[in-house]
Amino acid sequence: RDLQMALGRLRLAGGDFDRGLAALRRVVDHYPHSDAALRAQEAIASELARLFEPATGLDPLDASRLFFQHVEFAPPGRDGDALILAASMKLKELGLFAQSAQLLDHQVFKRLRGAHRSAVAADLAELYLSAKRPDEALCTLRSTRIAGLDEKIAARRLSLEAKALAGNDEAEAALALLARPSSIEDIRLRGDIHWKRRAWPEAARDYASVFMATPTFAATSDRETAVRAATSFLLAGDRDGYRAFVAGAAPRLAGAAEADLIRSLGDVDREQFIANFMSAYRSAYGGERS
């Protein structure tokens, strides 16, 4: 027992986290009721807190694996919850959404209860959506649904559920949830769903609303909203709506390629519209967006 404790500490000091943590774990498993087991658990918890520090030299994937293998040793209560959340957010920042979700899944379904659980479950659902796993996002939200949530949290969960439904090709269900959008992003999502379904009048309405509510257009996605709005008006056969939108939108896009693009859309006849539009669209976006 003492040898395993000493060996574990020595290997951890030398940066051998795999074998160091394994040695400490053997103390816990083989001598569960001893003081040494308590010391080993405390040592493992301490190491969990530093696995993602740059000084360890660990690859984030290895750090994630080791953390999850020993997450049961995280301290109880708020300290442990904060530790798991911090590790999950570090993985998210690195774009390791699946690994981040794995840690947060443990927290949501093994540690948390009540309203706090439902709030963190929204973070987990968002990670699943980033990882292109809408089914798991839906499952997470539905299995943590409770009454009496804070209005802001409830609205966020509803938006995420609509996004997950849309990602799961359940457009009608998603639109039903978005009937009373609580944010501009909800309206943008609704516009995206209509665009995909070729529901042009509805897409035009939503994209125009989003564009007019957007204060600045530094992001490509914000400028693209104007293009989609103008295009949707024309595809809906609403040339008056198109002209009214462009008259207000083009000046706000001054200096951007999209300003000339949306003006040019109405100058072509219907037979040439798609060909000319796609050419201008590729010029504006390099053919990377659809």
C-alpha atoms as a PDB file:
ATOM      1  CA  ARG A   1       0.000   0.000   0.000  1.00  0.00           C
ATOM      2  CA  ASP A   2       2.719   2.482   0.989  1.00  0.00           C
ATOM      3  CA  LEU A   3       4.774   1.464  -2.026  1.00  0.00           C
ATOM      4  CA  GLN A   4       1.834   2.127  -4.373  1.00  0.00           C
ATOM      5  CA  MET A   5       1.270   5.536  -2.765  1.00  0.00           C
ATOM      6  CA  ALA A   6       4.927   6.475  -3.114  1.00  0.00           C
ATOM      7  CA  LEU A   7       5.085   5.110  -6.657  1.00  0.00           C
ATOM      8  CA  GLY A   8       1.986   7.036  -7.668  1.00  0.00           C
ATOM      9  CA  ARG A   9       3.301  10.330  -6.311  1.00  0.00           C
ATOM     10  CA  LEU A  10       6.718   9.767  -7.881  1.00  0.00           C
ATOM     11  CA  ARG A  11       5.290   9.046 -11.315  1.00  0.00           C
ATOM     12  CA  LEU A  12       2.947  12.009 -11.159  1.00  0.00           C
ATOM     13  CA  ALA A  13       5.845  14.266 -10.183  1.00  0.00           C
ATOM     14  CA  GLY A  14       7.659  12.991 -13.280  1.00  0.00           C
ATOM     15  CA  GLY A  15       4.711  13.706 -15.557  1.00  0.00           C
ATOM     16  CA  ASP A  16       3.615  10.086 -15.982  1.00  0.00           C
ATOM     17  CA  PHE A  17      -0.074  10.678 -15.349  1.00  0.00           C
ATOM     18  CA  ASP A  18      -1.337   7.366 -16.705  1.00  0.00           C
ATOM     19  CA  ARG A  19       0.723   5.151 -14.403  1.00  0.00           C
ATOM     20  CA  GLY A  20       0.734   7.627 -11.531  1.00  0.00           C
ATOM     21  CA  LEU A  21      -3.049   7.854 -11.342  1.00  0.00           C
ATOM     22  CA  ALA A  22      -3.339   4.097 -11.876  1.00  0.00           C
ATOM     23  CA  ALA A  23      -1.089   3.469  -8.834  1.00  0.00           C
ATOM     24  CA  LEU A  24      -3.170   5.755  -6.630  1.00  0.00           C
ATOM     25  CA  ARG A  25      -6.342   4.134  -7.866  1.00  0.00           C
ATOM     26  CA  ARG A  26      -5.031   0.714  -6.879  1.00  0.00           C
ATOM     27  CA  VAL A  27      -4.690   1.970  -3.318  1.00  0.00           C
ATOM     28  CA  VAL A  28      -8.338   3.067  -3.356  1.00  0.00           C
ATOM     29  CA  ASP A  29      -9.538  -0.201  -4.903  1.00  0.00           C
ATOM     30  CA  HIS A  30      -7.469  -2.583  -2.758  1.00  0.00           C
ATOM     31  CA  TYR A  31      -7.656  -0.745   0.589  1.00  0.00           C
ATOM     32  CA  PRO A  32     -10.998   1.123   0.380  1.00  0.00           C
ATOM     33  CA  HIS A  33     -11.446   1.621   4.142  1.00  0.00           C
ATOM     34  CA  SER A  34      -7.939   2.814   4.941  1.00  0.00           C
ATOM     35  CA  ASP A  35      -6.586   6.291   5.616  1.00  0.00           C
ATOM     36  CA  ALA A  36      -4.285   5.705   2.657  1.00  0.00           C
ATOM     37  CA  ALA A  37      -7.334   5.357   0.377  1.00  0.00           C
ATOM     38  CA  LEU A  38      -8.576   8.753   1.529  1.00  0.00           C
ATOM     39  CA  ARG A  39      -5.179  10.302   0.849  1.00  0.00           C
ATOM     40  CA  ALA A  40      -5.074   8.644  -2.572  1.00  0.00           C
ATOM     41  CA  GLN A  41      -8.518   9.998  -3.451  1.00  0.00           C
ATOM     42  CA  GLU A  42      -7.475  13.496  -2.417  1.00  0.00           C
ATOM     43  CA  ALA A  43      -4.307  13.195  -4.502  1.00  0.00           C
ATOM     44  CA  ILE A  44      -6.282  12.093  -7.572  1.00  0.00           C
ATOM     45  CA  ALA A  45      -8.734  14.983  -7.122  1.00  0.00           C
ATOM     46  CA  SER A  46      -5.798  17.380  -6.917  1.00  0.00           C
ATOM     47  CA  GLU A  47      -4.337  16.008 -10.161  1.00  0.00           C
ATOM     48  CA  LEU A  48      -7.679  16.353 -11.955  1.00  0.00           C
ATOM     49  CA  ALA A  49      -7.536  20.079 -11.336  1.00  0.00           C
ATOM     50  CA  ARG A  50      -4.259  20.436 -13.231  1.00  0.00           C
ATOM     51  CA  LEU A  51      -4.572  17.929 -16.081  1.00  0.00           C
ATOM     52  CA  PHE A  52      -5.396  20.667 -18.598  1.00  0.00           C
ATOM     53  CA  GLU A  53      -2.697  23.079 -17.493  1.00  0.00           C
ATOM     54  CA  PRO A  54      -0.096  23.773 -20.220  1.00  0.00           C
ATOM     55  CA  ALA A  55       2.711  22.907 -17.788  1.00  0.00           C
ATOM     56  CA  THR A  56       1.702  19.234 -17.802  1.00  0.00           C
ATOM     57  CA  GLY A  57       2.503  18.904 -21.516  1.00  0.00           C
ATOM     58  CA  LEU A  58      -0.482  16.586 -21.968  1.00  0.00           C
ATOM     59  CA  ASP A  59      -2.310  16.446 -25.281  1.00  0.00           C
ATOM     60  CA  PRO A  60      -5.904  17.692 -24.682  1.00  0.00           C
ATOM     61  CA  LEU A  61      -7.292  14.336 -25.835  1.00  0.00           C
ATOM     62  CA  ASP A  62      -5.134  12.496 -23.292  1.00  0.00           C
ATOM     63  CA  ALA A  63      -6.088  14.981 -20.596  1.00  0.00           C
ATOM     64  CA  SER A  64      -9.755  14.456 -21.470  1.00  0.00           C
ATOM     65  CA  ARG A  65      -9.399  10.675 -21.331  1.00  0.00           C
ATOM     66  CA  LEU A  66      -7.639  10.735 -17.963  1.00  0.00           C
ATOM     67  CA  PHE A  67     -10.112  13.215 -16.517  1.00  0.00           C
ATOM     68  CA  PHE A  68     -13.104  11.112 -17.528  1.00  0.00           C
ATOM     69  CA  GLN A  69     -11.483   7.895 -16.279  1.00  0.00           C
ATOM     70  CA  HIS A  70     -11.096   9.468 -12.833  1.00  0.00           C
ATOM     71  CA  VAL A  71     -14.000  11.920 -12.755  1.00  0.00           C
ATOM     72  CA  GLU A  72     -15.612   9.943  -9.919  1.00  0.00           C
ATOM     73  CA  PHE A  73     -12.867  11.308  -7.674  1.00  0.00           C
ATOM     74  CA  ALA A  74     -13.856  14.923  -8.290  1.00  0.00           C
ATOM     75  CA  PRO A  75     -14.766  16.637  -5.006  1.00  0.00           C
ATOM     76  CA  PRO A  76     -18.432  16.544  -4.009  1.00  0.00           C
ATOM     77  CA  GLY A  77     -20.647  19.594  -4.227  1.00  0.00           C
ATOM     78  CA  ARG A  78     -19.926  22.895  -5.890  1.00  0.00           C
ATOM     79  CA  ASP A  79     -16.158  22.527  -5.979  1.00  0.00           C
ATOM     80  CA  GLY A  80     -16.402  19.325  -7.982  1.00  0.00           C
ATOM     81  CA  ASP A  81     -19.104  20.722 -10.260  1.00  0.00           C
ATOM     82  CA  ALA A  82     -16.962  23.784 -10.970  1.00  0.00           C
ATOM     83  CA  LEU A  83     -13.954  21.559 -11.706  1.00  0.00           C
ATOM     84  CA  ILE A  84     -15.872  19.423 -14.227  1.00  0.00           C
ATOM     85  CA  LEU A  85     -17.443  22.459 -15.875  1.00  0.00           C
ATOM     86  CA  ALA A  86     -14.062  24.190 -16.227  1.00  0.00           C
ATOM     87  CA  ALA A  87     -12.526  21.096 -17.838  1.00  0.00           C
ATOM     88  CA  SER A  88     -15.480  20.786 -20.202  1.00  0.00           C
ATOM     89  CA  MET A  89     -15.235  24.435 -21.255  1.00  0.00           C
ATOM     90  CA  LYS A  90     -11.505  24.090 -21.957  1.00  0.00           C
ATOM     91  CA  LEU A  91     -12.236  21.224 -24.319  1.00  0.00           C
ATOM     92  CA  LYS A  92     -15.008  23.233 -25.965  1.00  0.00           C
ATOM     93  CA  GLU A  93     -12.602  26.119 -26.569  1.00  0.00           C
ATOM     94  CA  LEU A  94     -10.304  23.662 -28.358  1.00  0.00           C
ATOM     95  CA  GLY A  95     -13.168  22.487 -30.587  1.00  0.00           C
ATOM     96  CA  LEU A  96     -13.256  19.064 -28.893  1.00  0.00           C
ATOM     97  CA  PHE A  97     -17.036  19.112 -28.596  1.00  0.00           C
ATOM     98  CA  ALA A  98     -17.595  15.366 -28.201  1.00  0.00           C
ATOM     99  CA  GLN A  99     -15.025  15.123 -25.382  1.00  0.00           C
ATOM    100  CA  SER A 100     -16.445  18.227 -23.721  1.00  0.00           C
ATOM    101  CA  ALA A 101     -19.940  16.735 -23.933  1.00  0.00           C
ATOM    102  CA  GLN A 102     -18.722  13.492 -22.366  1.00  0.00           C
ATOM    103  CA  LEU A 103     -17.627  15.335 -19.228  1.00  0.00           C
ATOM    104  CA  LEU A 104     -20.754  17.476 -19.026  1.00  0.00           C
ATOM    105  CA  ASP A 105     -22.967  14.429 -19.554  1.00  0.00           C
ATOM    106  CA  HIS A 106     -21.457  12.918 -16.403  1.00  0.00           C
ATOM    107  CA  GLN A 107     -22.181  16.100 -14.487  1.00  0.00           C
ATOM    108  CA  VAL A 108     -25.768  16.412 -15.712  1.00  0.00           C
ATOM    109  CA  PHE A 109     -26.820  12.810 -15.168  1.00  0.00           C
ATOM    110  CA  LYS A 110     -24.638  11.783 -12.223  1.00  0.00           C
ATOM    111  CA  ARG A 111     -24.218  14.868 -10.048  1.00  0.00           C
ATOM    112  CA  LEU A 112     -26.841  17.570 -10.593  1.00  0.00           C
ATOM    113  CA  ARG A 113     -30.503  17.852  -9.696  1.00  0.00           C
ATOM    114  CA  GLY A 114     -33.372  20.257 -10.233  1.00  0.00           C
ATOM    115  CA  ALA A 115     -33.188  23.609 -11.980  1.00  0.00           C
ATOM    116  CA  HIS A 116     -29.381  23.664 -11.976  1.00  0.00           C
ATOM    117  CA  ARG A 117     -29.382  20.346 -13.804  1.00  0.00           C
ATOM    118  CA  SER A 118     -31.780  21.689 -16.438  1.00  0.00           C
ATOM    119  CA  ALA A 119     -29.627  24.798 -16.928  1.00  0.00           C
ATOM    120  CA  VAL A 120     -26.395  22.837 -17.396  1.00  0.00           C
ATOM    121  CA  ALA A 121     -28.269  20.373 -19.630  1.00  0.00           C
ATOM    122  CA  ALA A 122     -28.755  23.268 -22.058  1.00  0.00           C
ATOM    123  CA  ASP A 123     -24.956  23.652 -22.221  1.00  0.00           C
ATOM    124  CA  LEU A 124     -24.692  19.917 -22.884  1.00  0.00           C
ATOM    125  CA  ALA A 125     -27.324  20.058 -25.635  1.00  0.00           C
ATOM    126  CA  GLU A 126     -25.453  22.921 -27.292  1.00  0.00           C
ATOM    127  CA  LEU A 127     -22.267  20.841 -27.252  1.00  0.00           C
ATOM    128  CA  TYR A 128     -24.078  17.925 -28.882  1.00  0.00           C
ATOM    129  CA  LEU A 129     -25.352  20.264 -31.595  1.00  0.00           C
ATOM    130  CA  SER A 130     -21.804  21.533 -32.181  1.00  0.00           C
ATOM    131  CA  ALA A 131     -20.712  17.899 -32.461  1.00  0.00           C
ATOM    132  CA  LYS A 132     -23.474  17.282 -35.077  1.00  0.00           C
ATOM    133  CA  ARG A 133     -25.407  14.965 -32.752  1.00  0.00           C
ATOM    134  CA  PRO A 134     -28.963  16.430 -32.679  1.00  0.00           C
ATOM    135  CA  ASP A 135     -30.531  13.171 -31.448  1.00  0.00           C
ATOM    136  CA  GLU A 136     -28.498  13.318 -28.253  1.00  0.00           C
ATOM    137  CA  ALA A 137     -29.253  17.015 -27.844  1.00  0.00           C
ATOM    138  CA  LEU A 138     -32.982  16.233 -27.999  1.00  0.00           C
ATOM    139  CA  CYS A 139     -32.645  13.348 -25.552  1.00  0.00           C
ATOM    140  CA  THR A 140     -30.736  15.547 -23.105  1.00  0.00           C
ATOM    141  CA  LEU A 141     -33.286  18.352 -23.205  1.00  0.00           C
ATOM    142  CA  ARG A 142     -36.308  16.089 -22.953  1.00  0.00           C
ATOM    143  CA  SER A 143     -34.934  14.027 -20.082  1.00  0.00           C
ATOM    144  CA  THR A 144     -34.121  17.129 -18.011  1.00  0.00           C
ATOM    145  CA  ARG A 145     -37.360  19.023 -18.610  1.00  0.00           C
ATOM    146  CA  ILE A 146     -38.996  20.367 -15.452  1.00  0.00           C
ATOM    147  CA  ALA A 147     -41.612  23.008 -14.653  1.00  0.00           C
ATOM    148  CA  GLY A 148     -40.903  26.350 -13.041  1.00  0.00           C
ATOM    149  CA  LEU A 149     -37.595  27.164 -14.720  1.00  0.00           C
ATOM    150  CA  ASP A 150     -36.284  30.704 -14.955  1.00  0.00           C
ATOM    151  CA  GLU A 151     -37.771  32.355 -18.046  1.00  0.00           C
ATOM    152  CA  LYS A 152     -34.392  32.973 -19.675  1.00  0.00           C
ATOM    153  CA  ILE A 153     -33.258  29.359 -19.177  1.00  0.00           C
ATOM    154  CA  ALA A 154     -36.579  28.014 -20.423  1.00  0.00           C
ATOM    155  CA  ALA A 155     -36.342  30.173 -23.574  1.00  0.00           C
ATOM    156  CA  ARG A 156     -32.798  28.990 -24.244  1.00  0.00           C
ATOM    157  CA  ARG A 157     -33.794  25.338 -23.865  1.00  0.00           C
ATOM    158  CA  LEU A 158     -36.723  25.876 -26.252  1.00  0.00           C
ATOM    159  CA  SER A 159     -34.432  27.446 -28.860  1.00  0.00           C
ATOM    160  CA  LEU A 160     -31.950  24.586 -28.565  1.00  0.00           C
ATOM    161  CA  GLU A 161     -34.734  22.024 -28.895  1.00  0.00           C
ATOM    162  CA  ALA A 162     -35.951  23.737 -32.067  1.00  0.00           C
ATOM    163  CA  LYS A 163     -32.410  23.720 -33.464  1.00  0.00           C
ATOM    164  CA  ALA A 164     -32.036  20.032 -32.609  1.00  0.00           C
ATOM    165  CA  LEU A 165     -35.351  19.213 -34.269  1.00  0.00           C
ATOM    166  CA  ALA A 166     -34.288  21.117 -37.379  1.00  0.00           C
ATOM    167  CA  GLY A 167     -30.984  19.236 -37.407  1.00  0.00           C
ATOM    168  CA  ASN A 168     -32.954  16.015 -37.152  1.00  0.00           C
ATOM    169  CA  ASP A 169     -35.087  16.938 -40.200  1.00  0.00           C
ATOM    170  CA  GLU A 170     -38.188  17.477 -38.069  1.00  0.00           C
ATOM    171  CA  ALA A 171     -39.007  20.860 -39.577  1.00  0.00           C
ATOM    172  CA  GLU A 172     -42.697  21.003 -38.647  1.00  0.00           C
ATOM    173  CA  ALA A 173     -41.979  20.323 -34.988  1.00  0.00           C
ATOM    174  CA  ALA A 174     -39.174  22.897 -34.991  1.00  0.00           C
ATOM    175  CA  LEU A 175     -41.408  25.555 -36.550  1.00  0.00           C
ATOM    176  CA  ALA A 176     -44.114  24.857 -33.971  1.00  0.00           C
ATOM    177  CA  LEU A 177     -41.629  25.678 -31.191  1.00  0.00           C
ATOM    178  CA  LEU A 178     -40.545  28.831 -33.031  1.00  0.00           C
ATOM    179  CA  ALA A 179     -44.078  30.174 -33.505  1.00  0.00           C
ATOM    180  CA  ARG A 180     -43.310  32.771 -30.829  1.00  0.00           C
ATOM    181  CA  PRO A 181     -39.586  33.424 -31.179  1.00  0.00           C
ATOM    182  CA  SER A 182     -37.833  34.854 -28.136  1.00  0.00           C
ATOM    183  CA  SER A 183     -34.730  36.168 -29.907  1.00  0.00           C
ATOM    184  CA  ILE A 184     -33.319  37.279 -33.245  1.00  0.00           C
ATOM    185  CA  GLU A 185     -31.446  33.972 -33.436  1.00  0.00           C
ATOM    186  CA  ASP A 186     -34.772  32.139 -33.190  1.00  0.00           C
ATOM    187  CA  ILE A 187     -36.069  34.121 -36.168  1.00  0.00           C
ATOM    188  CA  ARG A 188     -32.856  33.406 -38.096  1.00  0.00           C
ATOM    189  CA  LEU A 189     -33.263  29.685 -37.398  1.00  0.00           C
ATOM    190  CA  ARG A 190     -36.861  29.832 -38.549  1.00  0.00           C
ATOM    191  CA  GLY A 191     -35.699  31.564 -41.735  1.00  0.00           C
ATOM    192  CA  ASP A 192     -33.107  28.837 -42.296  1.00  0.00           C
ATOM    193  CA  ILE A 193     -35.779  26.176 -41.960  1.00  0.00           C
ATOM    194  CA  HIS A 194     -38.050  27.970 -44.445  1.00  0.00           C
ATOM    195  CA  TRP A 195     -35.091  28.438 -46.835  1.00  0.00           C
ATOM    196  CA  LYS A 196     -34.325  24.730 -46.750  1.00  0.00           C
ATOM    197  CA  ARG A 197     -37.996  23.921 -47.406  1.00  0.00           C
ATOM    198  CA  ARG A 198     -38.186  26.513 -50.230  1.00  0.00           C
ATOM    199  CA  ALA A 199     -40.951  28.338 -48.382  1.00  0.00           C
ATOM    200  CA  TRP A 200     -39.846  31.614 -49.965  1.00  0.00           C
ATOM    201  CA  PRO A 201     -42.422  34.128 -48.605  1.00  0.00           C
ATOM    202  CA  GLU A 202     -41.816  32.954 -45.035  1.00  0.00           C
ATOM    203  CA  ALA A 203     -38.038  32.895 -45.514  1.00  0.00           C
ATOM    204  CA  ALA A 204     -38.124  36.441 -46.929  1.00  0.00           C
ATOM    205  CA  ARG A 205     -40.121  37.697 -43.963  1.00  0.00           C
ATOM    206  CA  ASP A 206     -37.802  36.150 -41.379  1.00  0.00           C
ATOM    207  CA  TYR A 207     -34.496  37.045 -43.038  1.00  0.00           C
ATOM    208  CA  ALA A 208     -35.649  40.634 -43.604  1.00  0.00           C
ATOM    209  CA  SER A 209     -36.636  40.902 -39.933  1.00  0.00           C
ATOM    210  CA  VAL A 210     -33.254  39.574 -38.800  1.00  0.00           C
ATOM    211  CA  PHE A 211     -31.332  41.877 -41.115  1.00  0.00           C
ATOM    212  CA  MET A 212     -33.206  44.993 -40.086  1.00  0.00           C
ATOM    213  CA  ALA A 213     -32.675  44.136 -36.387  1.00  0.00           C
ATOM    214  CA  THR A 214     -28.919  43.585 -36.831  1.00  0.00           C
ATOM    215  CA  PRO A 215     -26.912  46.634 -35.714  1.00  0.00           C
ATOM    216  CA  THR A 216     -23.628  45.902 -37.532  1.00  0.00           C
ATOM    217  CA  PHE A 217     -22.534  43.605 -40.343  1.00  0.00           C
ATOM    218  CA  ALA A 218     -18.982  42.607 -39.511  1.00  0.00           C
ATOM    219  CA  ALA A 219     -19.842  38.899 -39.650  1.00  0.00           C
ATOM    220  CA  THR A 220     -20.290  37.220 -43.034  1.00  0.00           C
ATOM    221  CA  SER A 221     -23.433  35.505 -41.757  1.00  0.00           C
ATOM    222  CA  ASP A 222     -25.063  38.876 -41.065  1.00  0.00           C
ATOM    223  CA  ARG A 223     -24.381  40.119 -44.599  1.00  0.00           C
ATOM    224  CA  GLU A 224     -25.504  36.800 -46.032  1.00  0.00           C
ATOM    225  CA  THR A 225     -28.865  37.328 -44.332  1.00  0.00           C
ATOM    226  CA  ALA A 226     -29.477  40.271 -46.675  1.00  0.00           C
ATOM    227  CA  VAL A 227     -28.673  38.112 -49.697  1.00  0.00           C
ATOM    228  CA  ARG A 228     -31.027  35.395 -48.573  1.00  0.00           C
ATOM    229  CA  ALA A 229     -33.788  37.895 -47.843  1.00  0.00           C
ATOM    230  CA  ALA A 230     -33.512  39.516 -51.274  1.00  0.00           C
ATOM    231  CA  THR A 231     -33.321  36.138 -52.982  1.00  0.00           C
ATOM    232  CA  SER A 232     -36.355  34.836 -51.091  1.00  0.00           C
ATOM    233  CA  PHE A 233     -38.449  37.852 -52.078  1.00  0.00           C
ATOM    234  CA  LEU A 234     -37.655  37.256 -55.747  1.00  0.00           C
ATOM    235  CA  LEU A 235     -38.200  33.497 -55.592  1.00  0.00           C
ATOM    236  CA  ALA A 236     -41.545  34.195 -53.922  1.00  0.00           C
ATOM    237  CA  GLY A 237     -42.450  36.436 -56.867  1.00  0.00           C
ATOM    238  CA  ASP A 238     -42.700  39.450 -54.568  1.00  0.00           C
ATOM    239  CA  ARG A 239     -40.834  42.084 -56.579  1.00  0.00           C
ATOM    240  CA  ASP A 240     -42.389  44.946 -54.604  1.00  0.00           C
ATOM    241  CA  GLY A 241     -41.182  43.352 -51.392  1.00  0.00           C
ATOM    242  CA  TYR A 242     -37.753  42.898 -52.958  1.00  0.00           C
ATOM    243  CA  ARG A 243     -37.521  46.547 -54.005  1.00  0.00           C
ATOM    244  CA  ALA A 244     -38.610  47.797 -50.585  1.00  0.00           C
ATOM    245  CA  PHE A 245     -36.108  45.550 -48.823  1.00  0.00           C
ATOM    246  CA  VAL A 246     -33.168  46.478 -51.072  1.00  0.00           C
ATOM    247  CA  ALA A 247     -33.955  50.188 -50.769  1.00  0.00           C
ATOM    248  CA  GLY A 248     -33.457  49.938 -47.016  1.00  0.00           C
ATOM    249  CA  ALA A 249     -30.795  47.230 -46.891  1.00  0.00           C
ATOM    250  CA  ALA A 250     -28.294  48.237 -49.581  1.00  0.00           C
ATOM    251  CA  PRO A 251     -27.283  51.558 -47.969  1.00  0.00           C
ATOM    252  CA  ARG A 252     -26.591  49.756 -44.693  1.00  0.00           C
ATOM    253  CA  LEU A 253     -24.226  47.399 -46.544  1.00  0.00           C
ATOM    254  CA  ALA A 254     -22.262  50.222 -48.166  1.00  0.00           C
ATOM    255  CA  GLY A 255     -18.782  49.051 -49.113  1.00  0.00           C
ATOM    256  CA  ALA A 256     -19.653  45.358 -48.917  1.00  0.00           C
ATOM    257  CA  ALA A 257     -19.888  43.094 -51.980  1.00  0.00           C
ATOM    258  CA  GLU A 258     -23.333  42.022 -50.833  1.00  0.00           C
ATOM    259  CA  ALA A 259     -24.708  45.548 -51.411  1.00  0.00           C
ATOM    260  CA  ASP A 260     -24.075  45.346 -55.168  1.00  0.00           C
ATOM    261  CA  LEU A 261     -25.181  41.721 -55.182  1.00  0.00           C
ATOM    262  CA  ILE A 262     -28.651  42.345 -53.780  1.00  0.00           C
ATOM    263  CA  ARG A 263     -29.141  45.360 -56.078  1.00  0.00           C
ATOM    264  CA  SER A 264     -28.231  43.295 -59.130  1.00  0.00           C
ATOM    265  CA  LEU A 265     -30.668  40.494 -58.358  1.00  0.00           C
ATOM    266  CA  GLY A 266     -33.694  42.430 -59.569  1.00  0.00           C
ATOM    267  CA  ASP A 267     -32.109  43.489 -62.861  1.00  0.00           C
ATOM    268  CA  VAL A 268     -32.289  40.074 -64.480  1.00  0.00           C
ATOM    269  CA  ASP A 269     -35.270  38.263 -65.909  1.00  0.00           C
ATOM    270  CA  ARG A 270     -36.522  35.116 -64.246  1.00  0.00           C
ATOM    271  CA  GLU A 271     -34.812  32.751 -66.690  1.00  0.00           C
ATOM    272  CA  GLN A 272     -31.376  34.243 -66.032  1.00  0.00           C
ATOM    273  CA  PHE A 273     -31.850  34.856 -62.326  1.00  0.00           C
ATOM    274  CA  ILE A 274     -30.423  31.652 -60.883  1.00  0.00           C
ATOM    275  CA  ALA A 275     -27.347  31.550 -63.141  1.00  0.00           C
ATOM    276  CA  ASN A 276     -26.427  35.192 -62.519  1.00  0.00           C
ATOM    277  CA  PHE A 277     -27.171  34.963 -58.815  1.00  0.00           C
ATOM    278  CA  MET A 278     -24.958  31.923 -58.279  1.00  0.00           C
ATOM    279  CA  SER A 279     -22.090  33.618 -60.099  1.00  0.00           C
ATOM    280  CA  ALA A 280     -22.340  36.716 -57.913  1.00  0.00           C
ATOM    281  CA  TYR A 281     -22.841  34.578 -54.806  1.00  0.00           C
ATOM    282  CA  ARG A 282     -19.620  32.650 -55.458  1.00  0.00           C
ATOM    283  CA  SER A 283     -17.812  35.942 -56.012  1.00  0.00           C
ATOM    284  CA  ALA A 284     -18.988  37.194 -52.625  1.00  0.00           C
ATOM    285  CA  TYR A 285     -18.416  33.972 -50.657  1.00  0.00           C
ATOM    286  CA  GLY A 286     -15.855  31.991 -52.616  1.00  0.00           C
ATOM    287  CA  GLY A 287     -18.246  29.101 -53.162  1.00  0.00           C
ATOM    288  CA  GLU A 288     -17.887  27.959 -49.546  1.00  0.00           C
ATOM    289  CA  ARG A 289     -21.424  28.505 -48.326  1.00  0.00           C
ATOM    290  CA  SER A 290     -24.705  26.974 -49.421  1.00  0.00           C
END
